Amino acid sequence: MSVKLILKEDVESLGKVGDIVSVQPGYARNYLIPKKLGILATLQNLLWLKNHRERLESEAKAKKNEAEHKKDILVNLGDITVAAQIGPTGKLFGRITNKDLTEKISELSSEQLLIAHKDIKIEDYPHGVDELGSYKVLVNLGVGVKANISLIVLEQI
């Protein structure tokens, strides 16, 4: 048995704003509806969708433009360089984590670019980097927009 929902936000694996989708009742009840990603496809809500489809689509387009703007800022920052203290074994004291990268990006960007640390993934290092070197970083900016940047970890002098 499935439930029909109207999507109020883009859901990556499901559809775009305004789409009518069928999902499992638990997924709708426990995730989509509480997070305000969708509403039940009742007659009243279908009439609401008919009257508000243009507004929903324009809001989605504005979110995508904002994400593209953030991507441009990130790409223009170039490589993110972080200096860290090194121990006698050649490893860092601590780790460079997603949260550290979030702070560094905010510090470097002229517009104080705010990115949630959960949206940053250091490729092959889910718990952070603990060695010197260069690393690939994927930043998910939402609405299907992703930016690839580089992290360079240098020894602090």
N, C-alpha and C. Protein backbone atom coordinates (compact mmCIF):
# COMPACT_ATOMS: atom_id res chain seq x y z
N MET A 1 0.84 -1.18 0.00
CA MET A 1 0.00 0.00 0.00
C MET A 1 0.88 1.24 0.00
N SER A 2 0.55 2.23 -0.79
CA SER A 2 1.35 3.45 -0.86
C SER A 2 0.47 4.67 -0.61
N VAL A 3 1.16 5.77 -0.33
CA VAL A 3 0.50 7.04 -0.05
C VAL A 3 0.90 8.02 -1.14
N LYS A 4 -0.04 8.82 -1.61
CA LYS A 4 0.28 9.84 -2.62
C LYS A 4 0.56 11.16 -1.92
N LEU A 5 1.67 11.78 -2.31
CA LEU A 5 2.08 13.06 -1.74
C LEU A 5 2.35 14.06 -2.85
N ILE A 6 2.21 15.33 -2.50
CA ILE A 6 2.64 16.43 -3.37
C ILE A 6 3.94 16.95 -2.77
N LEU A 7 5.00 16.97 -3.56
CA LEU A 7 6.30 17.44 -3.05
C LEU A 7 6.32 18.96 -2.97
N LYS A 8 6.73 19.48 -1.81
CA LYS A 8 6.85 20.92 -1.60
C LYS A 8 8.29 21.38 -1.76
N GLU A 9 9.22 20.43 -1.81
CA GLU A 9 10.64 20.70 -2.03
C GLU A 9 11.16 19.62 -2.96
N ASP A 10 12.30 19.88 -3.61
CA ASP A 10 12.95 18.85 -4.40
C ASP A 10 13.49 17.79 -3.46
N VAL A 11 13.22 16.52 -3.75
CA VAL A 11 13.79 15.41 -3.01
C VAL A 11 14.60 14.61 -4.02
N GLU A 12 15.89 14.51 -3.79
CA GLU A 12 16.82 13.98 -4.78
C GLU A 12 16.40 12.65 -5.38
N SER A 13 16.00 11.71 -4.56
CA SER A 13 15.69 10.37 -5.07
C SER A 13 14.21 10.20 -5.44
N LEU A 14 13.43 11.27 -5.33
CA LEU A 14 11.99 11.13 -5.49
C LEU A 14 11.40 11.99 -6.60
N GLY A 15 11.69 13.29 -6.59
CA GLY A 15 11.12 14.16 -7.61
C GLY A 15 11.33 15.63 -7.29
N LYS A 16 10.69 16.46 -8.09
CA LYS A 16 10.84 17.91 -7.97
C LYS A 16 9.60 18.53 -7.33
N VAL A 17 9.71 19.81 -7.02
CA VAL A 17 8.61 20.56 -6.42
C VAL A 17 7.36 20.43 -7.29
N GLY A 18 6.23 20.13 -6.65
CA GLY A 18 4.97 20.04 -7.36
C GLY A 18 4.66 18.67 -7.93
N ASP A 19 5.62 17.75 -7.92
CA ASP A 19 5.36 16.40 -8.41
C ASP A 19 4.44 15.66 -7.45
N ILE A 20 3.60 14.81 -7.99
CA ILE A 20 2.76 13.93 -7.18
C ILE A 20 3.42 12.56 -7.23
N VAL A 21 3.81 12.06 -6.04
CA VAL A 21 4.56 10.81 -5.98
C VAL A 21 3.85 9.83 -5.05
N SER A 22 4.13 8.55 -5.26
CA SER A 22 3.63 7.49 -4.37
C SER A 22 4.80 6.98 -3.55
N VAL A 23 4.62 6.94 -2.23
CA VAL A 23 5.67 6.48 -1.32
C VAL A 23 5.06 5.56 -0.27
N GLN A 24 5.93 4.87 0.44
CA GLN A 24 5.48 4.02 1.53
C GLN A 24 4.93 4.89 2.66
N PRO A 25 3.90 4.43 3.36
CA PRO A 25 3.29 5.23 4.43
C PRO A 25 4.28 5.67 5.51
N GLY A 26 5.19 4.80 5.90
CA GLY A 26 6.16 5.14 6.93
C GLY A 26 7.11 6.24 6.49
N TYR A 27 7.54 6.20 5.24
CA TYR A 27 8.44 7.23 4.70
C TYR A 27 7.74 8.58 4.70
N ALA A 28 6.47 8.57 4.31
CA ALA A 28 5.69 9.81 4.30
C ALA A 28 5.48 10.32 5.72
N ARG A 29 5.03 9.46 6.61
CA ARG A 29 4.66 9.83 7.97
C ARG A 29 5.88 10.22 8.82
N ASN A 30 6.99 9.53 8.65
CA ASN A 30 8.15 9.73 9.52
C ASN A 30 9.20 10.68 8.96
N TYR A 31 9.20 10.91 7.65
CA TYR A 31 10.26 11.74 7.08
C TYR A 31 9.72 12.91 6.25
N LEU A 32 9.00 12.61 5.19
CA LEU A 32 8.61 13.65 4.24
C LEU A 32 7.66 14.69 4.83
N ILE A 33 6.63 14.26 5.51
CA ILE A 33 5.65 15.21 6.07
C ILE A 33 6.23 16.00 7.25
N PRO A 34 6.90 15.36 8.23
CA PRO A 34 7.46 16.16 9.34
C PRO A 34 8.51 17.17 8.90
N LYS A 35 9.28 16.86 7.86
CA LYS A 35 10.30 17.79 7.36
C LYS A 35 9.74 18.80 6.37
N LYS A 36 8.42 18.75 6.19
CA LYS A 36 7.71 19.66 5.29
C LYS A 36 8.22 19.58 3.84
N LEU A 37 8.59 18.36 3.45
CA LEU A 37 9.02 18.12 2.07
C LEU A 37 7.84 17.74 1.19
N GLY A 38 6.75 17.30 1.81
CA GLY A 38 5.57 16.92 1.05
C GLY A 38 4.31 17.01 1.89
N ILE A 39 3.18 17.05 1.19
CA ILE A 39 1.88 17.05 1.85
C ILE A 39 1.02 15.98 1.17
N LEU A 40 0.02 15.49 1.89
CA LEU A 40 -0.88 14.48 1.33
C LEU A 40 -1.60 15.04 0.11
N ALA A 41 -1.79 14.19 -0.89
CA ALA A 41 -2.43 14.61 -2.13
C ALA A 41 -3.94 14.48 -2.01
N THR A 42 -4.52 15.29 -1.12
CA THR A 42 -5.98 15.32 -0.98
C THR A 42 -6.55 16.25 -2.05
N LEU A 43 -7.85 16.24 -2.21
CA LEU A 43 -8.49 17.10 -3.20
C LEU A 43 -8.18 18.57 -2.92
N GLN A 44 -8.28 18.95 -1.65
CA GLN A 44 -8.00 20.34 -1.27
C GLN A 44 -6.55 20.71 -1.58
N ASN A 45 -5.61 19.81 -1.28
CA ASN A 45 -4.20 20.10 -1.55
C ASN A 45 -3.90 20.11 -3.04
N LEU A 46 -4.60 19.29 -3.81
CA LEU A 46 -4.41 19.32 -5.27
C LEU A 46 -4.90 20.64 -5.85
N LEU A 47 -6.00 21.18 -5.32
CA LEU A 47 -6.48 22.51 -5.75
C LEU A 47 -5.47 23.59 -5.35
N TRP A 48 -4.90 23.45 -4.15
CA TRP A 48 -3.87 24.39 -3.69
C TRP A 48 -2.67 24.35 -4.64
N LEU A 49 -2.26 23.13 -5.02
CA LEU A 49 -1.11 22.97 -5.93
C LEU A 49 -1.39 23.66 -7.27
N LYS A 50 -2.60 23.49 -7.78
CA LYS A 50 -2.96 24.10 -9.06
C LYS A 50 -2.80 25.62 -9.00
N ASN A 51 -3.19 26.21 -7.87
CA ASN A 51 -3.11 27.67 -7.72
C ASN A 51 -1.71 28.18 -7.37
N HIS A 52 -0.86 27.34 -6.80
CA HIS A 52 0.45 27.80 -6.31
C HIS A 52 1.66 27.18 -7.04
N ARG A 53 1.42 26.47 -8.11
CA ARG A 53 2.52 25.79 -8.80
C ARG A 53 3.59 26.78 -9.28
N GLU A 54 3.19 27.89 -9.83
CA GLU A 54 4.16 28.88 -10.33
C GLU A 54 5.03 29.42 -9.21
N ARG A 55 4.42 29.72 -8.06
CA ARG A 55 5.18 30.24 -6.92
C ARG A 55 6.18 29.20 -6.42
N LEU A 56 5.75 27.94 -6.34
CA LEU A 56 6.64 26.88 -5.89
C LEU A 56 7.84 26.74 -6.83
N GLU A 57 7.56 26.79 -8.12
CA GLU A 57 8.63 26.65 -9.11
C GLU A 57 9.58 27.84 -9.07
N SER A 58 9.07 29.04 -8.87
CA SER A 58 9.95 30.21 -8.80
C SER A 58 10.81 30.18 -7.53
N GLU A 59 10.25 29.69 -6.42
CA GLU A 59 11.04 29.55 -5.20
C GLU A 59 12.15 28.52 -5.38
N ALA A 60 11.83 27.42 -6.07
CA ALA A 60 12.83 26.39 -6.33
C ALA A 60 13.94 26.94 -7.23
N LYS A 61 13.56 27.75 -8.21
CA LYS A 61 14.55 28.34 -9.11
C LYS A 61 15.45 29.31 -8.34
N ALA A 62 14.86 30.08 -7.41
CA ALA A 62 15.65 31.01 -6.60
C ALA A 62 16.64 30.26 -5.72
N LYS A 63 16.22 29.14 -5.15
CA LYS A 63 17.13 28.33 -4.32
C LYS A 63 18.28 27.78 -5.17
N LYS A 64 17.96 27.36 -6.38
CA LYS A 64 19.01 26.82 -7.26
C LYS A 64 19.99 27.93 -7.64
N ASN A 65 19.50 29.14 -7.94
CA ASN A 65 20.38 30.26 -8.27
C ASN A 65 21.28 30.62 -7.11
N GLU A 66 20.73 30.58 -5.89
CA GLU A 66 21.54 30.86 -4.71
C GLU A 66 22.63 29.82 -4.52
N ALA A 67 22.29 28.56 -4.74
CA ALA A 67 23.27 27.47 -4.63
C ALA A 67 24.36 27.63 -5.69
N GLU A 68 23.98 28.01 -6.91
CA GLU A 68 24.97 28.23 -7.98
C GLU A 68 25.90 29.39 -7.63
N HIS A 69 25.35 30.43 -7.01
CA HIS A 69 26.15 31.57 -6.58
C HIS A 69 27.17 31.13 -5.52
N LYS A 70 26.74 30.31 -4.57
CA LYS A 70 27.65 29.79 -3.55
C LYS A 70 28.74 28.94 -4.18
N LYS A 71 28.36 28.16 -5.20
CA LYS A 71 29.34 27.31 -5.89
C LYS A 71 30.41 28.19 -6.56
N ASP A 72 29.97 29.28 -7.20
CA ASP A 72 30.92 30.18 -7.85
C ASP A 72 31.90 30.78 -6.84
N ILE A 73 31.37 31.17 -5.68
CA ILE A 73 32.23 31.73 -4.63
C ILE A 73 33.25 30.69 -4.18
N LEU A 74 32.80 29.45 -3.96
CA LEU A 74 33.70 28.39 -3.51
C LEU A 74 34.80 28.10 -4.53
N VAL A 75 34.40 28.00 -5.78
CA VAL A 75 35.37 27.71 -6.84
C VAL A 75 36.39 28.84 -6.97
N ASN A 76 35.93 30.09 -6.81
CA ASN A 76 36.84 31.23 -6.90
C ASN A 76 37.80 31.34 -5.72
N LEU A 77 37.46 30.70 -4.59
CA LEU A 77 38.38 30.70 -3.45
C LEU A 77 39.64 29.91 -3.77
N GLY A 78 39.53 28.97 -4.67
CA GLY A 78 40.69 28.14 -5.01
C GLY A 78 40.92 27.08 -3.96
N ASP A 79 42.18 26.68 -3.80
CA ASP A 79 42.53 25.67 -2.81
C ASP A 79 42.39 26.24 -1.40
N ILE A 80 41.86 25.45 -0.51
CA ILE A 80 41.75 25.84 0.90
C ILE A 80 43.00 25.30 1.59
N THR A 81 43.81 26.19 2.14
CA THR A 81 45.06 25.79 2.79
C THR A 81 44.91 25.92 4.29
N VAL A 82 45.26 24.85 5.00
CA VAL A 82 45.18 24.83 6.45
C VAL A 82 46.54 24.43 6.99
N ALA A 83 47.04 25.21 7.96
CA ALA A 83 48.30 24.89 8.62
C ALA A 83 48.00 24.17 9.92
N ALA A 84 48.72 23.08 10.19
CA ALA A 84 48.48 22.29 11.40
C ALA A 84 49.79 21.86 12.03
N GLN A 85 49.75 21.64 13.34
CA GLN A 85 50.94 21.18 14.05
C GLN A 85 51.15 19.70 13.78
N ILE A 86 52.43 19.34 13.68
CA ILE A 86 52.81 17.96 13.37
C ILE A 86 53.50 17.34 14.58
N GLY A 87 53.17 16.08 14.83
CA GLY A 87 53.83 15.34 15.91
C GLY A 87 55.11 14.70 15.41
N PRO A 88 55.85 14.02 16.30
CA PRO A 88 57.12 13.40 15.92
C PRO A 88 56.97 12.27 14.90
N THR A 89 55.78 11.69 14.79
CA THR A 89 55.56 10.59 13.83
C THR A 89 55.15 11.08 12.45
N GLY A 90 55.00 12.41 12.30
CA GLY A 90 54.59 12.96 11.02
C GLY A 90 53.09 13.12 10.87
N LYS A 91 52.34 12.71 11.87
CA LYS A 91 50.88 12.87 11.85
C LYS A 91 50.51 14.17 12.55
N LEU A 92 49.31 14.65 12.24
CA LEU A 92 48.83 15.89 12.85
C LEU A 92 48.43 15.65 14.30
N PHE A 93 48.52 16.71 15.10
CA PHE A 93 47.90 16.69 16.42
C PHE A 93 46.42 16.93 16.18
N GLY A 94 45.60 15.93 16.36
CA GLY A 94 44.19 16.05 16.05
C GLY A 94 43.94 15.78 14.58
N ARG A 95 42.83 16.28 14.10
CA ARG A 95 42.43 16.08 12.70
C ARG A 95 41.88 17.38 12.13
N ILE A 96 41.93 17.48 10.82
CA ILE A 96 41.24 18.54 10.11
C ILE A 96 39.89 17.94 9.71
N THR A 97 38.81 18.46 10.27
CA THR A 97 37.49 17.88 10.05
C THR A 97 36.62 18.80 9.18
N ASN A 98 35.42 18.32 8.91
CA ASN A 98 34.45 19.10 8.13
C ASN A 98 34.16 20.43 8.82
N LYS A 99 34.08 20.40 10.14
CA LYS A 99 33.79 21.62 10.89
C LYS A 99 34.91 22.64 10.72
N ASP A 100 36.17 22.17 10.73
CA ASP A 100 37.31 23.06 10.51
C ASP A 100 37.23 23.69 9.12
N LEU A 101 36.85 22.89 8.14
CA LEU A 101 36.72 23.41 6.77
C LEU A 101 35.60 24.44 6.67
N THR A 102 34.49 24.19 7.35
CA THR A 102 33.39 25.15 7.36
C THR A 102 33.85 26.50 7.89
N GLU A 103 34.58 26.48 8.99
CA GLU A 103 35.09 27.72 9.58
C GLU A 103 36.08 28.41 8.65
N LYS A 104 36.96 27.64 8.02
CA LYS A 104 37.97 28.20 7.12
C LYS A 104 37.30 28.84 5.89
N ILE A 105 36.29 28.19 5.34
CA ILE A 105 35.58 28.72 4.17
C ILE A 105 34.88 30.02 4.55
N SER A 106 34.25 30.03 5.70
CA SER A 106 33.57 31.24 6.16
C SER A 106 34.56 32.38 6.36
N GLU A 107 35.73 32.05 6.88
CA GLU A 107 36.79 33.04 7.11
C GLU A 107 37.35 33.59 5.80
N LEU A 108 37.52 32.73 4.80
CA LEU A 108 38.13 33.14 3.54
C LEU A 108 37.17 33.87 2.60
N SER A 109 35.89 33.56 2.68
CA SER A 109 34.95 34.16 1.73
C SER A 109 34.58 35.57 2.16
N SER A 110 34.53 36.47 1.19
CA SER A 110 34.21 37.87 1.47
C SER A 110 32.76 38.03 1.91
N GLU A 111 31.89 37.11 1.49
CA GLU A 111 30.47 37.19 1.82
C GLU A 111 30.11 36.35 3.03
N GLN A 112 31.12 35.90 3.80
CA GLN A 112 30.87 35.04 4.96
C GLN A 112 29.96 33.88 4.58
N LEU A 113 30.41 33.10 3.62
CA LEU A 113 29.67 31.96 3.11
C LEU A 113 29.43 30.94 4.21
N LEU A 114 28.17 30.65 4.49
CA LEU A 114 27.83 29.70 5.54
C LEU A 114 27.44 28.37 4.92
N ILE A 115 28.19 27.34 5.29
CA ILE A 115 27.93 25.99 4.80
C ILE A 115 27.89 25.07 6.02
N ALA A 116 26.90 24.22 6.09
CA ALA A 116 26.80 23.27 7.21
C ALA A 116 27.89 22.21 7.08
N HIS A 117 28.50 21.84 8.19
CA HIS A 117 29.59 20.87 8.13
C HIS A 117 29.12 19.51 7.63
N LYS A 118 27.84 19.19 7.77
CA LYS A 118 27.33 17.91 7.27
C LYS A 118 27.28 17.88 5.75
N ASP A 119 27.38 19.04 5.11
CA ASP A 119 27.34 19.11 3.65
C ASP A 119 28.73 19.02 3.02
N ILE A 120 29.76 18.86 3.85
CA ILE A 120 31.13 18.77 3.36
C ILE A 120 31.63 17.35 3.54
N LYS A 121 32.17 16.78 2.47
CA LYS A 121 32.72 15.42 2.52
C LYS A 121 34.15 15.44 2.00
N ILE A 122 35.09 15.07 2.86
CA ILE A 122 36.48 14.93 2.43
C ILE A 122 36.60 13.53 1.83
N GLU A 123 36.92 13.47 0.55
CA GLU A 123 36.94 12.21 -0.17
C GLU A 123 37.88 11.20 0.49
N ASP A 124 37.38 10.01 0.78
CA ASP A 124 38.12 8.90 1.38
C ASP A 124 38.49 9.13 2.85
N TYR A 125 38.05 10.22 3.47
CA TYR A 125 38.37 10.50 4.87
C TYR A 125 37.11 10.99 5.60
N PRO A 126 36.19 10.10 5.92
CA PRO A 126 34.94 10.53 6.54
C PRO A 126 35.09 11.12 7.93
N HIS A 127 36.18 10.79 8.64
CA HIS A 127 36.36 11.28 10.01
C HIS A 127 37.39 12.39 10.10
N GLY A 128 37.86 12.88 8.98
CA GLY A 128 38.83 13.96 8.98
C GLY A 128 40.21 13.50 8.53
N VAL A 129 41.05 14.48 8.26
CA VAL A 129 42.40 14.23 7.75
C VAL A 129 43.40 14.34 8.89
N ASP A 130 44.33 13.38 8.96
CA ASP A 130 45.32 13.43 10.03
C ASP A 130 46.77 13.41 9.51
N GLU A 131 46.95 13.71 8.21
CA GLU A 131 48.28 13.76 7.61
C GLU A 131 48.41 14.97 6.70
N LEU A 132 49.65 15.37 6.44
CA LEU A 132 49.91 16.45 5.49
C LEU A 132 49.55 15.97 4.09
N GLY A 133 49.18 16.90 3.22
CA GLY A 133 48.91 16.52 1.84
C GLY A 133 47.78 17.32 1.22
N SER A 134 47.38 16.84 0.05
CA SER A 134 46.31 17.48 -0.71
C SER A 134 45.14 16.51 -0.79
N TYR A 135 43.93 17.02 -0.59
CA TYR A 135 42.75 16.18 -0.54
C TYR A 135 41.61 16.80 -1.35
N LYS A 136 40.79 15.92 -1.94
CA LYS A 136 39.62 16.39 -2.68
C LYS A 136 38.45 16.49 -1.71
N VAL A 137 37.67 17.57 -1.86
CA VAL A 137 36.53 17.82 -0.99
C VAL A 137 35.30 18.07 -1.86
N LEU A 138 34.19 17.44 -1.50
CA LEU A 138 32.92 17.64 -2.19
C LEU A 138 31.99 18.40 -1.26
N VAL A 139 31.46 19.52 -1.73
CA VAL A 139 30.55 20.34 -0.95
C VAL A 139 29.18 20.27 -1.60
N ASN A 140 28.19 19.77 -0.85
CA ASN A 140 26.81 19.69 -1.33
C ASN A 140 26.10 20.98 -0.94
N LEU A 141 25.70 21.76 -1.93
CA LEU A 141 25.06 23.05 -1.69
C LEU A 141 23.54 22.97 -1.78
N GLY A 142 23.02 21.78 -1.91
CA GLY A 142 21.57 21.60 -1.99
C GLY A 142 21.05 21.71 -3.40
N VAL A 143 19.82 21.36 -3.60
CA VAL A 143 19.10 21.36 -4.88
C VAL A 143 19.93 20.81 -6.04
N GLY A 144 20.73 19.78 -5.75
CA GLY A 144 21.50 19.12 -6.80
C GLY A 144 22.78 19.83 -7.22
N VAL A 145 23.18 20.89 -6.52
CA VAL A 145 24.38 21.64 -6.87
C VAL A 145 25.51 21.20 -5.94
N LYS A 146 26.63 20.78 -6.53
CA LYS A 146 27.79 20.33 -5.77
C LYS A 146 29.03 21.03 -6.29
N ALA A 147 29.94 21.31 -5.37
CA ALA A 147 31.19 21.96 -5.75
C ALA A 147 32.37 21.08 -5.33
N ASN A 148 33.36 20.97 -6.19
CA ASN A 148 34.59 20.25 -5.86
C ASN A 148 35.68 21.27 -5.56
N ILE A 149 36.30 21.13 -4.40
CA ILE A 149 37.40 22.01 -4.03
C ILE A 149 38.55 21.15 -3.52
N SER A 150 39.69 21.78 -3.31
CA SER A 150 40.85 21.06 -2.81
C SER A 150 41.24 21.59 -1.44
N LEU A 151 41.65 20.67 -0.58
CA LEU A 151 42.16 21.01 0.74
C LEU A 151 43.64 20.67 0.75
N ILE A 152 44.45 21.65 1.16
CA ILE A 152 45.89 21.41 1.28
C ILE A 152 46.26 21.60 2.75
N VAL A 153 46.83 20.56 3.35
CA VAL A 153 47.24 20.62 4.74
C VAL A 153 48.75 20.75 4.77
N LEU A 154 49.22 21.85 5.37
CA LEU A 154 50.64 22.15 5.48
C LEU A 154 51.08 22.15 6.94
N GLU A 155 52.38 22.01 7.14
CA GLU A 155 52.93 22.06 8.51
C GLU A 155 52.95 23.49 9.00
N GLN A 156 52.46 23.67 10.22
CA GLN A 156 52.46 24.99 10.83
C GLN A 156 53.86 25.31 11.32
N ILE A 157 54.32 26.50 10.99
CA ILE A 157 55.69 26.91 11.37
C ILE A 157 55.65 27.87 12.53
